[in-house]
């Protein structure tokens, strides 16, 4: 389903840039995962649409009333805060544990069957260190740590 909503320019800019990856609305419409939300820029000064639009797929919907969590009075008093979240367990967020293990196992397989991988000489290889960086978000530059990571593969 396609959902169209007005959005003020400053918020549309944040959505368009990728910094704002959420939208909070009065629940006066139905929305579900997979719907397309078209946010149309609305100039509050001229009270007209500008013609600029941003289209995004809905990937998560949370519906709640003020008292869903038994906190209606507190919410009325203090208000709500909405936060965008980023996974910081991996600074790059590029690969998960499954991919990390799969790539490391591929290195191990090449070492056992060929004595080296297709990239070159294992002692000079940077692939295990790159995998570590992509998975854990840490750069290893200590020679002892580098040697330990490479030994774990063989």
C-alpha atoms as a PDB file:
ATOM      1  CA  UNK A   1       0.000   0.000   0.000  1.00  0.00           C
ATOM      2  CA  UNK A   2       1.163   3.541  -0.677  1.00  0.00           C
ATOM      3  CA  UNK A   3       0.845   6.065   2.143  1.00  0.00           C
ATOM      4  CA  UNK A   4       1.280   9.788   1.456  1.00  0.00           C
ATOM      5  CA  UNK A   5       2.029  12.252   4.264  1.00  0.00           C
ATOM      6  CA  UNK A   6       3.014  15.903   4.546  1.00  0.00           C
ATOM      7  CA  UNK A   7       6.449  16.737   5.912  1.00  0.00           C
ATOM      8  CA  UNK A   8       8.077  20.040   6.772  1.00  0.00           C
ATOM      9  CA  UNK A   9      11.266  20.848   4.789  1.00  0.00           C
ATOM     10  CA  UNK A  10      13.725  20.527   7.692  1.00  0.00           C
ATOM     11  CA  UNK A  11      12.530  16.985   8.455  1.00  0.00           C
ATOM     12  CA  UNK A  12      12.372  15.966   4.809  1.00  0.00           C
ATOM     13  CA  UNK A  13      16.019  17.065   4.462  1.00  0.00           C
ATOM     14  CA  UNK A  14      16.971  14.775   7.369  1.00  0.00           C
ATOM     15  CA  UNK A  15      15.061  11.823   5.865  1.00  0.00           C
ATOM     16  CA  UNK A  16      16.556  12.480   2.429  1.00  0.00           C
ATOM     17  CA  UNK A  17      20.107  12.612   3.823  1.00  0.00           C
ATOM     18  CA  UNK A  18      19.626   9.330   5.715  1.00  0.00           C
ATOM     19  CA  UNK A  19      20.215  10.887   9.143  1.00  0.00           C
ATOM     20  CA  UNK A  20      16.556  10.486  10.172  1.00  0.00           C
ATOM     21  CA  UNK A  21      15.440   6.907   9.598  1.00  0.00           C
ATOM     22  CA  UNK A  22      12.146   6.981  11.498  1.00  0.00           C
ATOM     23  CA  UNK A  23       8.814   8.775  11.381  1.00  0.00           C
ATOM     24  CA  UNK A  24       6.409   9.474  14.239  1.00  0.00           C
ATOM     25  CA  UNK A  25       2.777  10.107  13.318  1.00  0.00           C
ATOM     26  CA  UNK A  26      -0.661  10.219  14.876  1.00  0.00           C
ATOM     27  CA  UNK A  27      -2.063   6.733  14.234  1.00  0.00           C
ATOM     28  CA  UNK A  28      -5.000   7.907  12.109  1.00  0.00           C
ATOM     29  CA  UNK A  29      -4.112   5.485   9.297  1.00  0.00           C
ATOM     30  CA  UNK A  30      -3.069   1.856   8.830  1.00  0.00           C
ATOM     31  CA  UNK A  31       0.573   1.017   8.147  1.00  0.00           C
ATOM     32  CA  UNK A  32       2.378  -2.300   7.865  1.00  0.00           C
ATOM     33  CA  UNK A  33       5.805  -3.596   6.907  1.00  0.00           C
ATOM     34  CA  UNK A  34       6.318  -3.434   3.163  1.00  0.00           C
ATOM     35  CA  UNK A  35       4.106  -0.375   2.652  1.00  0.00           C
ATOM     36  CA  UNK A  36       5.606   2.588   0.807  1.00  0.00           C
ATOM     37  CA  UNK A  37       5.618   5.920   2.640  1.00  0.00           C
ATOM     38  CA  UNK A  38       5.813   8.936   0.355  1.00  0.00           C
ATOM     39  CA  UNK A  39       6.661  12.047   2.325  1.00  0.00           C
ATOM     40  CA  UNK A  40       5.713  15.156   0.409  1.00  0.00           C
ATOM     41  CA  UNK A  41       7.383  18.420   1.333  1.00  0.00           C
ATOM     42  CA  UNK A  42       4.900  20.915   2.762  1.00  0.00           C
ATOM     43  CA  UNK A  43       5.907  24.539   3.225  1.00  0.00           C
ATOM     44  CA  UNK A  44       4.224  25.731   6.426  1.00  0.00           C
ATOM     45  CA  UNK A  45       4.747  29.387   5.426  1.00  0.00           C
ATOM     46  CA  UNK A  46       2.984  29.170   2.056  1.00  0.00           C
ATOM     47  CA  UNK A  47       0.754  26.267   3.159  1.00  0.00           C
ATOM     48  CA  UNK A  48       1.477  24.509  -0.124  1.00  0.00           C
ATOM     49  CA  UNK A  49       3.277  21.425  -1.348  1.00  0.00           C
ATOM     50  CA  UNK A  50       6.656  22.200  -2.930  1.00  0.00           C
ATOM     51  CA  UNK A  51       6.652  19.198  -5.261  1.00  0.00           C
ATOM     52  CA  UNK A  52       9.631  17.568  -3.530  1.00  0.00           C
ATOM     53  CA  UNK A  53       9.064  13.991  -2.288  1.00  0.00           C
ATOM     54  CA  UNK A  54      10.964  11.256  -0.504  1.00  0.00           C
ATOM     55  CA  UNK A  55       9.867   7.638  -0.837  1.00  0.00           C
ATOM     56  CA  UNK A  56      10.791   4.945   1.704  1.00  0.00           C
ATOM     57  CA  UNK A  57       9.713   1.372   2.439  1.00  0.00           C
ATOM     58  CA  UNK A  58       8.186   0.785   5.871  1.00  0.00           C
ATOM     59  CA  UNK A  59      10.369  -1.813   7.625  1.00  0.00           C
ATOM     60  CA  UNK A  60       8.901  -1.670  11.145  1.00  0.00           C
ATOM     61  CA  UNK A  61       5.674  -0.397  12.703  1.00  0.00           C
ATOM     62  CA  UNK A  62       5.084   0.128  16.430  1.00  0.00           C
ATOM     63  CA  UNK A  63       1.536   1.103  17.349  1.00  0.00           C
ATOM     64  CA  UNK A  64       0.807   2.143  20.911  1.00  0.00           C
ATOM     65  CA  UNK A  65      -1.527   4.336  22.911  1.00  0.00           C
ATOM     66  CA  UNK A  66      -0.387   6.635  25.692  1.00  0.00           C
ATOM     67  CA  UNK A  67      -1.330   3.975  28.230  1.00  0.00           C
ATOM     68  CA  UNK A  68       0.023   0.880  26.441  1.00  0.00           C
ATOM     69  CA  UNK A  69       2.774   0.664  29.052  1.00  0.00           C
ATOM     70  CA  UNK A  70       0.668   2.026  31.929  1.00  0.00           C
ATOM     71  CA  UNK A  71       2.354   5.427  31.762  1.00  0.00           C
ATOM     72  CA  UNK A  72      -0.288   7.753  30.330  1.00  0.00           C
ATOM     73  CA  UNK A  73      -0.049  10.332  33.138  1.00  0.00           C
ATOM     74  CA  UNK A  74       3.756  10.329  33.078  1.00  0.00           C
ATOM     75  CA  UNK A  75       3.780  10.732  29.295  1.00  0.00           C
ATOM     76  CA  UNK A  76       1.338  13.631  29.533  1.00  0.00           C
ATOM     77  CA  UNK A  77       3.598  15.247  32.128  1.00  0.00           C
ATOM     78  CA  UNK A  78       7.020  14.544  30.592  1.00  0.00           C
ATOM     79  CA  UNK A  79       6.296  13.844  26.907  1.00  0.00           C
ATOM     80  CA  UNK A  80       7.992  11.195  24.780  1.00  0.00           C
ATOM     81  CA  UNK A  81      11.423  10.915  23.232  1.00  0.00           C
ATOM     82  CA  UNK A  82      12.018   9.047  19.970  1.00  0.00           C
ATOM     83  CA  UNK A  83      15.546   7.891  19.204  1.00  0.00           C
ATOM     84  CA  UNK A  84      17.227   6.543  16.101  1.00  0.00           C
ATOM     85  CA  UNK A  85      19.594   3.723  17.045  1.00  0.00           C
ATOM     86  CA  UNK A  86      22.844   2.479  15.560  1.00  0.00           C
ATOM     87  CA  UNK A  87      24.543  -0.821  16.342  1.00  0.00           C
ATOM     88  CA  UNK A  88      27.911   0.112  17.829  1.00  0.00           C
ATOM     89  CA  UNK A  89      29.105  -3.438  18.504  1.00  0.00           C
ATOM     90  CA  UNK A  90      30.687  -3.204  15.051  1.00  0.00           C
ATOM     91  CA  UNK A  91      31.740   0.261  14.005  1.00  0.00           C
ATOM     92  CA  UNK A  92      31.414  -0.597  10.353  1.00  0.00           C
ATOM     93  CA  UNK A  93      28.438  -2.923  10.748  1.00  0.00           C
ATOM     94  CA  UNK A  94      29.614  -4.583   7.564  1.00  0.00           C
ATOM     95  CA  UNK A  95      29.450  -8.296   8.423  1.00  0.00           C
ATOM     96  CA  UNK A  96      27.797 -10.439  11.056  1.00  0.00           C
ATOM     97  CA  UNK A  97      29.186 -13.448  12.931  1.00  0.00           C
ATOM     98  CA  UNK A  98      27.909 -15.930  10.348  1.00  0.00           C
ATOM     99  CA  UNK A  99      29.711 -14.196   7.474  1.00  0.00           C
ATOM    100  CA  UNK A 100      32.844 -13.714   9.609  1.00  0.00           C
ATOM    101  CA  UNK A 101      32.966 -17.460  10.413  1.00  0.00           C
ATOM    102  CA  UNK A 102      32.206 -18.454   6.815  1.00  0.00           C
ATOM    103  CA  UNK A 103      35.050 -16.311   5.425  1.00  0.00           C
ATOM    104  CA  UNK A 104      37.499 -17.516   8.072  1.00  0.00           C
ATOM    105  CA  UNK A 105      36.541 -21.129   7.329  1.00  0.00           C
ATOM    106  CA  UNK A 106      37.182 -20.483   3.645  1.00  0.00           C
ATOM    107  CA  UNK A 107      40.714 -19.326   4.528  1.00  0.00           C
ATOM    108  CA  UNK A 108      41.218 -22.482   6.632  1.00  0.00           C
ATOM    109  CA  UNK A 109      39.992 -24.685   3.773  1.00  0.00           C
ATOM    110  CA  UNK A 110      42.428 -23.091   1.287  1.00  0.00           C
ATOM    111  CA  UNK A 111      45.326 -23.430   3.749  1.00  0.00           C
ATOM    112  CA  UNK A 112      44.571 -27.147   4.222  1.00  0.00           C
ATOM    113  CA  UNK A 113      43.970 -28.001   0.550  1.00  0.00           C
ATOM    114  CA  UNK A 114      46.443 -25.704  -1.227  1.00  0.00           C
ATOM    115  CA  UNK A 115      48.853 -24.660   1.500  1.00  0.00           C
ATOM    116  CA  UNK A 116      47.754 -21.079   0.820  1.00  0.00           C
ATOM    117  CA  UNK A 117      44.729 -19.202  -0.422  1.00  0.00           C
ATOM    118  CA  UNK A 118      44.162 -17.685  -3.834  1.00  0.00           C
ATOM    119  CA  UNK A 119      45.230 -14.230  -2.635  1.00  0.00           C
ATOM    120  CA  UNK A 120      48.836 -15.020  -1.990  1.00  0.00           C
ATOM    121  CA  UNK A 121      51.205 -16.027   0.791  1.00  0.00           C
ATOM    122  CA  UNK A 122      49.338 -16.418   4.073  1.00  0.00           C
ATOM    123  CA  UNK A 123      52.092 -14.832   6.182  1.00  0.00           C
ATOM    124  CA  UNK A 124      51.646 -11.601   4.202  1.00  0.00           C
ATOM    125  CA  UNK A 125      47.869 -11.821   3.904  1.00  0.00           C
ATOM    126  CA  UNK A 126      45.674  -9.058   5.301  1.00  0.00           C
ATOM    127  CA  UNK A 127      42.332 -10.834   4.809  1.00  0.00           C
ATOM    128  CA  UNK A 128      42.021 -12.163   8.407  1.00  0.00           C
ATOM    129  CA  UNK A 129      42.778  -8.693   9.763  1.00  0.00           C
ATOM    130  CA  UNK A 130      40.255  -7.094   7.427  1.00  0.00           C
ATOM    131  CA  UNK A 131      37.617  -9.653   8.450  1.00  0.00           C
ATOM    132  CA  UNK A 132      38.351  -8.899  12.104  1.00  0.00           C
ATOM    133  CA  UNK A 133      37.996  -5.168  11.421  1.00  0.00           C
ATOM    134  CA  UNK A 134      34.701  -5.600   9.540  1.00  0.00           C
ATOM    135  CA  UNK A 135      33.237  -7.905  12.192  1.00  0.00           C
ATOM    136  CA  UNK A 136      34.449  -6.327  15.435  1.00  0.00           C
ATOM    137  CA  UNK A 137      35.167  -2.793  14.279  1.00  0.00           C
ATOM    138  CA  UNK A 138      38.713  -3.012  15.642  1.00  0.00           C
ATOM    139  CA  UNK A 139      41.943  -2.400  13.793  1.00  0.00           C
ATOM    140  CA  UNK A 140      44.727  -4.762  14.889  1.00  0.00           C
ATOM    141  CA  UNK A 141      48.185  -3.275  14.540  1.00  0.00           C
ATOM    142  CA  UNK A 142      50.062  -5.055  17.334  1.00  0.00           C
ATOM    143  CA  UNK A 143      52.429  -7.663  15.806  1.00  0.00           C
ATOM    144  CA  UNK A 144      51.688 -10.214  18.552  1.00  0.00           C
ATOM    145  CA  UNK A 145      47.929  -9.888  18.012  1.00  0.00           C
ATOM    146  CA  UNK A 146      48.361 -10.122  14.234  1.00  0.00           C
ATOM    147  CA  UNK A 147      50.372 -13.326  14.605  1.00  0.00           C
ATOM    148  CA  UNK A 148      47.782 -14.779  17.008  1.00  0.00           C
ATOM    149  CA  UNK A 149      44.878 -14.102  14.611  1.00  0.00           C
ATOM    150  CA  UNK A 150      46.743 -15.646  11.686  1.00  0.00           C
ATOM    151  CA  UNK A 151      47.738 -18.710  13.754  1.00  0.00           C
ATOM    152  CA  UNK A 152      44.102 -19.291  14.641  1.00  0.00           C
ATOM    153  CA  UNK A 153      43.406 -19.917  10.958  1.00  0.00           C
ATOM    154  CA  UNK A 154      45.979 -22.650  10.496  1.00  0.00           C
END
